[in-house]
């Protein structure tokens, strides 16, 4: 199967490389790259060229208008029965509309929530796929190649994949904030000389809060337990806010997720505190997100 990957940023390039390493013929497009910058993937200069050659196209671009721009550019040139997979963090309602559009043109659209950050190349991604069952079955070799063991599945019809990923990110916001606030209490509580790296090691072995995030916290604290030279500014993508909006629409209370979003807003207004610095460091550790320096 020939697969096109549109958007060769932090995660898109990892997806392309992982597919190529597994024996797929991969054609990539990214307007910021030159053909000689990547050796194991064929880089083309236009989306038209990519669409004409590929049985499946994986979009790894930011949510919003750019997804539609890519779709409208490739649609006239797709092979009959081609599958387009949106692996970004699109709003699930937009994915439903895009699936309907492609179906009306004789193509397939799968929305694939993709988690794993910059560690996906080494450890495999977690993939939550929505859309047509037949298209999913055809694309299963792609998902199996990219995912961690048991880390992918067809979760429902069009939009379901991005909905599940959206809620996943809302949970992530709450978890990051809870860990960060706990470490803040440890740092500024009555015992001023606590070794936070040592605490994470203890917690990671047998405790109910052990997790990959805790391993990342250990790595952070092994290098720096004060975080003096960074800002507590936390950026955010749209998925956390969309989770809150969906919860309000369906009258589901989500006070923890809401509080985590409020904390991020506060961090951008004030520069934050130790807890928000920790959240920023977490985001850098798993996703390569930028950490601002202290002003």
Protein backbone atom coordinates (compact mmCIF):
# COMPACT_ATOMS: atom_id res chain seq x y z
CA UNK A 1 0.00 0.00 0.00
CA UNK A 2 1.26 3.47 -0.89
CA UNK A 3 0.53 5.96 1.88
CA UNK A 4 0.78 9.72 1.75
CA UNK A 5 1.51 11.69 4.91
CA UNK A 6 0.62 15.38 4.84
CA UNK A 7 2.30 17.41 7.58
CA UNK A 8 5.76 16.24 8.66
CA UNK A 9 6.03 17.98 11.99
CA UNK A 10 6.91 16.42 15.34
CA UNK A 11 4.36 13.59 15.12
CA UNK A 12 3.72 13.47 11.37
CA UNK A 13 7.35 12.72 10.60
CA UNK A 14 7.38 9.96 13.21
CA UNK A 15 4.28 8.41 11.66
CA UNK A 16 5.86 8.54 8.18
CA UNK A 17 9.12 7.03 9.43
CA UNK A 18 7.37 4.27 11.36
CA UNK A 19 5.35 3.28 8.29
CA UNK A 20 8.41 3.38 6.04
CA UNK A 21 10.39 1.22 8.47
CA UNK A 22 7.61 -1.38 8.31
CA UNK A 23 7.87 -1.62 4.54
CA UNK A 24 5.14 0.73 3.36
CA UNK A 25 5.95 3.02 0.48
CA UNK A 26 5.51 6.47 2.02
CA UNK A 27 5.14 9.74 0.16
CA UNK A 28 5.33 12.88 2.25
CA UNK A 29 4.35 16.49 1.80
CA UNK A 30 5.19 19.46 3.95
CA UNK A 31 5.70 22.95 2.50
CA UNK A 32 8.50 23.61 4.99
CA UNK A 33 10.66 20.65 3.88
CA UNK A 34 12.95 20.13 0.92
CA UNK A 35 13.23 16.75 -0.78
CA UNK A 36 16.83 16.20 0.32
CA UNK A 37 16.05 16.75 4.03
CA UNK A 38 14.43 13.32 4.44
CA UNK A 39 16.14 10.15 3.21
CA UNK A 40 13.73 7.28 3.92
CA UNK A 41 10.53 8.94 2.60
CA UNK A 42 9.74 10.24 -0.88
CA UNK A 43 9.00 13.95 -0.57
CA UNK A 44 6.80 15.60 -3.21
CA UNK A 45 6.33 19.29 -3.81
CA UNK A 46 2.54 19.37 -4.24
CA UNK A 47 -0.52 17.82 -2.65
CA UNK A 48 -1.75 16.99 -6.13
CA UNK A 49 1.24 14.75 -6.77
CA UNK A 50 0.79 13.03 -3.42
CA UNK A 51 -2.93 12.39 -3.92
CA UNK A 52 -2.45 10.92 -7.39
CA UNK A 53 -0.03 8.28 -6.15
CA UNK A 54 -1.56 7.14 -2.86
CA UNK A 55 -4.22 4.63 -1.84
CA UNK A 56 -4.42 6.21 1.60
CA UNK A 57 -3.61 9.73 2.79
CA UNK A 58 -2.84 10.49 6.44
CA UNK A 59 -3.37 14.14 7.41
CA UNK A 60 -1.28 15.33 10.35
CA UNK A 61 -2.01 19.05 10.29
CA UNK A 62 -3.46 21.45 12.89
CA UNK A 63 -7.20 21.38 13.49
CA UNK A 64 -9.37 23.86 11.67
CA UNK A 65 -9.45 25.38 8.20
CA UNK A 66 -6.14 23.85 7.12
CA UNK A 67 -7.74 20.38 7.19
CA UNK A 68 -10.46 21.52 4.80
CA UNK A 69 -7.91 23.29 2.61
CA UNK A 70 -5.96 20.04 2.27
CA UNK A 71 -9.10 18.02 1.58
CA UNK A 72 -10.36 20.33 -1.16
CA UNK A 73 -6.94 20.34 -2.79
CA UNK A 74 -6.55 16.57 -2.86
CA UNK A 75 -10.17 15.59 -3.61
CA UNK A 76 -10.03 16.06 -7.41
CA UNK A 77 -6.88 13.91 -7.62
CA UNK A 78 -7.55 10.98 -5.26
CA UNK A 79 -7.56 7.45 -6.59
CA UNK A 80 -10.95 5.71 -6.72
CA UNK A 81 -11.92 4.40 -3.29
CA UNK A 82 -9.04 6.16 -1.55
CA UNK A 83 -9.05 6.50 2.23
CA UNK A 84 -8.26 9.80 3.93
CA UNK A 85 -7.30 9.56 7.60
CA UNK A 86 -7.28 12.68 9.76
CA UNK A 87 -4.82 11.90 12.56
CA UNK A 88 -4.89 15.38 14.08
CA UNK A 89 -7.02 16.83 16.86
CA UNK A 90 -10.02 17.95 14.81
CA UNK A 91 -13.38 18.74 16.36
CA UNK A 92 -15.54 15.63 16.06
CA UNK A 93 -18.45 17.57 14.54
CA UNK A 94 -16.16 18.74 11.73
CA UNK A 95 -15.07 15.14 11.15
CA UNK A 96 -18.69 14.04 10.69
CA UNK A 97 -19.13 16.69 7.97
CA UNK A 98 -15.85 15.74 6.27
CA UNK A 99 -16.81 12.06 6.24
CA UNK A 100 -20.10 12.95 4.57
CA UNK A 101 -18.30 15.09 1.99
CA UNK A 102 -15.83 12.35 1.04
CA UNK A 103 -18.55 9.69 0.94
CA UNK A 104 -20.52 11.84 -1.50
CA UNK A 105 -17.45 11.88 -3.77
CA UNK A 106 -16.83 8.12 -3.61
CA UNK A 107 -14.02 8.20 -1.05
CA UNK A 108 -13.63 7.20 2.61
CA UNK A 109 -12.76 9.33 5.63
CA UNK A 110 -11.54 8.02 8.97
CA UNK A 111 -11.02 10.25 12.00
CA UNK A 112 -8.14 8.89 14.05
CA UNK A 113 -7.40 10.33 17.47
CA UNK A 114 -3.65 9.92 17.89
CA UNK A 115 -1.92 9.89 21.27
CA UNK A 116 1.66 9.13 22.19
CA UNK A 117 3.40 12.40 21.55
CA UNK A 118 7.02 12.39 20.50
CA UNK A 119 7.52 8.93 22.00
CA UNK A 120 5.26 7.21 19.47
CA UNK A 121 8.04 6.28 17.05
CA UNK A 122 9.79 4.22 19.71
CA UNK A 123 6.89 2.89 21.77
CA UNK A 124 3.92 3.01 19.38
CA UNK A 125 0.91 5.28 19.35
CA UNK A 126 -2.57 4.96 20.82
CA UNK A 127 -5.09 5.25 17.98
CA UNK A 128 -8.84 5.82 18.37
CA UNK A 129 -10.54 5.41 15.00
CA UNK A 130 -14.00 6.50 13.89
CA UNK A 131 -15.68 6.01 10.53
CA UNK A 132 -16.80 3.44 8.00
CA UNK A 133 -16.13 -0.16 9.11
CA UNK A 134 -15.06 -1.31 5.65
CA UNK A 135 -12.54 1.51 5.37
CA UNK A 136 -11.26 0.77 8.86
CA UNK A 137 -10.72 -2.88 7.97
CA UNK A 138 -8.78 -1.90 4.86
CA UNK A 139 -6.64 0.51 6.87
CA UNK A 140 -6.03 -1.88 9.78
CA UNK A 141 -2.46 -2.74 8.61
CA UNK A 142 -1.63 0.96 8.91
CA UNK A 143 -3.02 1.23 12.43
CA UNK A 144 -1.40 -2.03 13.54
CA UNK A 145 1.97 -0.77 12.33
CA UNK A 146 1.71 2.56 14.12
CA UNK A 147 0.07 1.51 17.38
CA UNK A 148 1.48 0.06 20.57
CA UNK A 149 0.34 -3.53 21.23
CA UNK A 150 -3.45 -3.45 21.71
CA UNK A 151 -3.24 0.32 21.25
CA UNK A 152 -5.75 0.83 18.46
CA UNK A 153 -9.39 0.16 17.76
CA UNK A 154 -12.52 1.14 15.87
CA UNK A 155 -14.54 3.08 18.44
CA UNK A 156 -17.58 4.04 16.38
CA UNK A 157 -18.96 5.90 13.34
CA UNK A 158 -17.65 9.12 11.84
CA UNK A 159 -16.53 11.57 14.51
CA UNK A 160 -16.24 8.98 17.28
CA UNK A 161 -12.46 8.71 17.01
CA UNK A 162 -11.92 12.42 17.47
CA UNK A 163 -14.57 12.57 20.19
CA UNK A 164 -12.80 9.85 22.19
CA UNK A 165 -9.44 11.61 21.70
CA UNK A 166 -10.98 14.93 22.74
CA UNK A 167 -12.17 13.45 26.03
CA UNK A 168 -8.80 11.71 26.45
CA UNK A 169 -7.16 15.13 26.29
CA UNK A 170 -9.63 16.57 28.79
CA UNK A 171 -8.68 13.78 31.20
CA UNK A 172 -5.01 14.51 30.48
CA UNK A 173 -5.51 18.15 31.50
CA UNK A 174 -6.96 17.09 34.84
CA UNK A 175 -4.27 14.49 35.51
CA UNK A 176 -1.43 16.89 34.75
CA UNK A 177 -2.89 19.52 37.03
CA UNK A 178 -3.43 17.04 39.87
CA UNK A 179 0.14 15.72 39.72
CA UNK A 180 1.53 19.25 39.45
CA UNK A 181 -0.46 20.57 42.42
CA UNK A 182 0.57 17.59 44.53
CA UNK A 183 4.25 18.20 43.80
CA UNK A 184 3.72 21.88 44.61
CA UNK A 185 2.37 20.94 48.04
CA UNK A 186 5.32 18.60 48.61
CA UNK A 187 7.80 21.29 47.62
CA UNK A 188 6.31 24.15 49.64
CA UNK A 189 4.86 22.15 52.56
CA UNK A 190 6.42 21.61 56.00
CA UNK A 191 9.33 19.45 54.77
CA UNK A 192 11.49 21.75 52.70
CA UNK A 193 14.21 19.26 51.82
CA UNK A 194 12.09 16.54 50.26
CA UNK A 195 13.78 14.85 47.31
CA UNK A 196 10.99 14.91 44.72
CA UNK A 197 12.83 12.55 42.38
CA UNK A 198 13.10 10.00 45.21
CA UNK A 199 9.41 10.40 45.99
CA UNK A 200 8.49 9.67 42.38
CA UNK A 201 10.55 6.48 42.49
CA UNK A 202 8.70 5.29 45.58
CA UNK A 203 5.31 6.17 44.10
CA UNK A 204 6.14 4.49 40.82
CA UNK A 205 6.60 1.13 42.53
CA UNK A 206 3.33 -0.27 43.85
CA UNK A 207 1.37 2.93 44.50
CA UNK A 208 -2.05 3.67 43.02
CA UNK A 209 -0.74 6.84 41.32
CA UNK A 210 2.03 5.13 39.34
CA UNK A 211 1.95 6.00 35.64
CA UNK A 212 3.96 7.11 32.62
CA UNK A 213 3.38 10.70 33.67
CA UNK A 214 5.00 9.92 37.00
CA UNK A 215 8.01 8.50 35.15
CA UNK A 216 8.23 11.77 33.23
CA UNK A 217 8.03 13.67 36.53
CA UNK A 218 10.95 11.59 37.81
CA UNK A 219 13.00 12.53 34.74
CA UNK A 220 12.13 16.21 35.23
CA UNK A 221 13.07 16.21 38.91
CA UNK A 222 16.29 14.28 38.31
CA UNK A 223 17.45 17.26 36.26
CA UNK A 224 15.84 20.16 38.16
CA UNK A 225 13.65 20.25 41.28
CA UNK A 226 13.26 24.01 41.54
CA UNK A 227 12.29 24.99 37.95
CA UNK A 228 13.55 28.47 38.74
CA UNK A 229 14.48 29.50 35.22
CA UNK A 230 11.23 28.75 33.41
CA UNK A 231 7.88 30.48 33.21
CA UNK A 232 4.69 28.93 34.53
CA UNK A 233 2.88 29.90 31.32
CA UNK A 234 0.88 26.94 29.98
CA UNK A 235 -0.39 26.96 26.44
CA UNK A 236 -3.26 24.72 25.37
CA UNK A 237 -4.76 23.27 22.24
CA UNK A 238 -8.50 23.30 21.66
CA UNK A 239 -9.38 19.78 22.78
CA UNK A 240 -9.62 20.51 26.49
CA UNK A 241 -11.97 23.40 25.86
CA UNK A 242 -14.01 21.28 23.45
CA UNK A 243 -14.35 18.60 26.13
CA UNK A 244 -15.78 21.17 28.50
CA UNK A 245 -18.17 22.46 25.84
CA UNK A 246 -19.37 18.94 25.02
CA UNK A 247 -19.89 18.21 28.71
CA UNK A 248 -21.96 21.37 29.08
CA UNK A 249 -23.95 20.50 25.93
CA UNK A 250 -24.84 17.07 27.31
CA UNK A 251 -25.18 18.31 30.91
CA UNK A 252 -22.32 16.26 32.33
CA UNK A 253 -20.49 17.89 35.28
CA UNK A 254 -16.70 18.02 34.81
CA UNK A 255 -15.39 20.25 37.62
CA UNK A 256 -11.85 18.80 37.56
CA UNK A 257 -11.39 19.37 33.84
CA UNK A 258 -12.87 22.87 34.14
CA UNK A 259 -10.51 23.70 37.02
CA UNK A 260 -7.51 22.54 35.00
CA UNK A 261 -8.53 24.81 32.12
CA UNK A 262 -9.01 27.71 34.52
CA UNK A 263 -5.52 27.08 35.88
CA UNK A 264 -4.06 27.34 32.39
CA UNK A 265 -5.88 30.60 31.72
CA UNK A 266 -4.62 31.96 35.04
CA UNK A 267 -1.06 30.89 34.18
CA UNK A 268 -1.11 32.93 30.99
CA UNK A 269 -2.40 35.98 32.84
CA UNK A 270 0.04 35.83 35.76
CA UNK A 271 3.02 33.70 34.77
CA UNK A 272 1.77 30.90 37.01
CA UNK A 273 3.49 29.11 39.88
CA UNK A 274 5.44 25.92 40.54
CA UNK A 275 2.46 23.73 39.65
CA UNK A 276 1.92 25.37 36.29
CA UNK A 277 5.65 25.14 35.63
CA UNK A 278 5.32 21.39 36.17
CA UNK A 279 2.44 21.18 33.72
CA UNK A 280 4.52 23.05 31.14
CA UNK A 281 7.40 20.63 31.72
CA UNK A 282 5.10 17.62 31.41
CA UNK A 283 3.82 18.92 28.06
CA UNK A 284 7.37 19.37 26.84
CA UNK A 285 8.36 15.88 27.99
CA UNK A 286 5.60 13.98 26.23
CA UNK A 287 4.74 16.27 23.33
CA UNK A 288 7.74 18.48 22.68
CA UNK A 289 5.68 21.60 23.46
CA UNK A 290 7.70 24.75 24.04
CA UNK A 291 8.49 25.84 27.58
CA UNK A 292 8.82 29.58 27.97
CA UNK A 293 11.83 30.98 29.79
CA UNK A 294 11.37 33.10 32.89
CA UNK A 295 10.97 36.78 32.00
